[in-house]
Amino acid sequence: MKPYLISLAVGILVGVIYSLMNVRSPAPPVIAILGLLGMLIGEQLIPVSKQLLTGSSFLAACDKEQATSHVFGHLPGRHAPPKATEKETS
């Protein structure tokens, strides 16, 4: 959750600086966000398509290429798998 808050805070700071300089944002926020989402999805089209051509289902292809985690990152509420303890590794 911390990276999200930092990203929001930096975005607000940049917005304040833009306002003080009387400059408008280079792109309407919704268009910019949709463009970034499109770029992330586009990066996954070829790898997922290759998996689909080998006969994998869509969900299996996305899982194998880790497309969901690439597009959405570590979402709040999702937890990493527990790390192995020293007893388990020896």
Protein backbone atom coordinates (compact mmCIF):
# COMPACT_ATOMS: atom_id res chain seq x y z
CA MET A 1 0.00 0.00 0.00
CA LYS A 2 2.93 2.32 0.69
CA PRO A 3 4.01 2.62 -3.00
CA TYR A 4 0.46 3.62 -3.92
CA LEU A 5 0.41 6.37 -1.30
CA ILE A 6 3.84 7.60 -2.39
CA SER A 7 2.72 7.65 -6.02
CA LEU A 8 -0.42 9.59 -5.09
CA ALA A 9 1.58 12.07 -2.99
CA VAL A 10 4.09 12.67 -5.79
CA GLY A 11 1.23 13.13 -8.25
CA ILE A 12 -0.38 15.70 -5.97
CA LEU A 13 2.96 17.49 -5.57
CA VAL A 14 3.40 17.66 -9.35
CA GLY A 15 -0.16 18.94 -9.68
CA VAL A 16 0.56 21.70 -7.16
CA ILE A 17 3.75 22.66 -9.02
CA TYR A 18 1.79 22.75 -12.31
CA SER A 19 -0.80 24.98 -10.67
CA LEU A 20 1.82 27.35 -9.25
CA MET A 21 3.44 27.63 -12.68
CA ASN A 22 -0.01 28.09 -14.28
CA VAL A 23 0.62 25.10 -16.57
CA ARG A 24 -2.01 22.56 -17.59
CA SER A 25 -1.37 18.84 -17.49
CA PRO A 26 -0.07 17.63 -20.89
CA ALA A 27 -2.95 15.17 -21.29
CA PRO A 28 -6.38 14.82 -19.70
CA PRO A 29 -5.88 12.37 -16.80
CA VAL A 30 -8.39 9.76 -18.01
CA ILE A 31 -6.85 9.65 -21.48
CA ALA A 32 -3.34 9.36 -20.02
CA ILE A 33 -4.33 6.51 -17.69
CA LEU A 34 -6.15 4.64 -20.46
CA GLY A 35 -3.09 5.05 -22.69
CA LEU A 36 -0.85 3.56 -20.02
CA LEU A 37 -3.27 0.68 -19.48
CA GLY A 38 -3.32 0.05 -23.23
CA MET A 39 0.48 -0.06 -23.28
CA LEU A 40 0.57 -2.62 -20.47
CA ILE A 41 -2.06 -4.80 -22.13
CA GLY A 42 -0.32 -4.47 -25.50
CA GLU A 43 2.94 -5.75 -24.01
CA GLN A 44 1.15 -8.95 -23.04
CA LEU A 45 -0.69 -9.62 -26.32
CA ILE A 46 2.14 -11.48 -28.08
CA PRO A 47 3.24 -13.72 -25.16
CA VAL A 48 -0.36 -14.62 -24.24
CA SER A 49 -1.26 -15.18 -27.92
CA LYS A 50 1.68 -17.59 -28.27
CA GLN A 51 0.37 -19.57 -25.31
CA LEU A 52 -3.13 -19.59 -26.79
CA LEU A 53 -1.75 -20.99 -30.07
CA THR A 54 -0.18 -23.88 -28.15
CA GLY A 55 -3.65 -24.84 -26.91
CA SER A 56 -3.70 -23.22 -23.49
CA SER A 57 -6.90 -21.66 -22.22
CA PHE A 58 -6.96 -17.88 -21.86
CA LEU A 59 -6.69 -17.99 -18.07
CA ALA A 60 -3.89 -20.55 -18.17
CA ALA A 61 -2.02 -18.48 -20.77
CA CYS A 62 -2.34 -15.34 -18.65
CA ASP A 63 -1.20 -17.24 -15.57
CA LYS A 64 1.79 -18.85 -17.32
CA GLU A 65 2.98 -15.51 -18.73
CA GLN A 66 2.18 -13.73 -15.44
CA ALA A 67 0.21 -11.18 -17.47
CA THR A 68 -2.13 -10.21 -14.64
CA SER A 69 0.67 -9.41 -12.21
CA HIS A 70 2.51 -7.48 -14.94
CA VAL A 71 -0.51 -5.33 -15.81
CA PHE A 72 -1.83 -4.76 -12.30
CA GLY A 73 1.31 -5.10 -10.16
CA HIS A 74 1.01 -6.07 -6.51
CA LEU A 75 -2.53 -5.08 -5.62
CA PRO A 76 -3.43 -4.04 -2.08
CA GLY A 77 -4.71 -7.01 -0.13
CA ARG A 78 -2.69 -9.52 -2.11
CA HIS A 79 0.05 -11.12 -0.12
CA ALA A 80 3.22 -12.82 -1.28
CA PRO A 81 3.44 -16.53 -0.57
CA PRO A 82 5.02 -17.26 2.80
CA LYS A 83 8.80 -17.51 2.73
CA ALA A 84 10.42 -20.81 3.63
CA THR A 85 11.83 -20.91 7.13
CA GLU A 86 15.34 -22.10 7.88
CA LYS A 87 13.99 -25.45 9.11
CA GLU A 88 12.15 -26.06 5.84
CA THR A 89 15.18 -25.27 3.68
CA SER A 90 17.61 -27.54 5.51
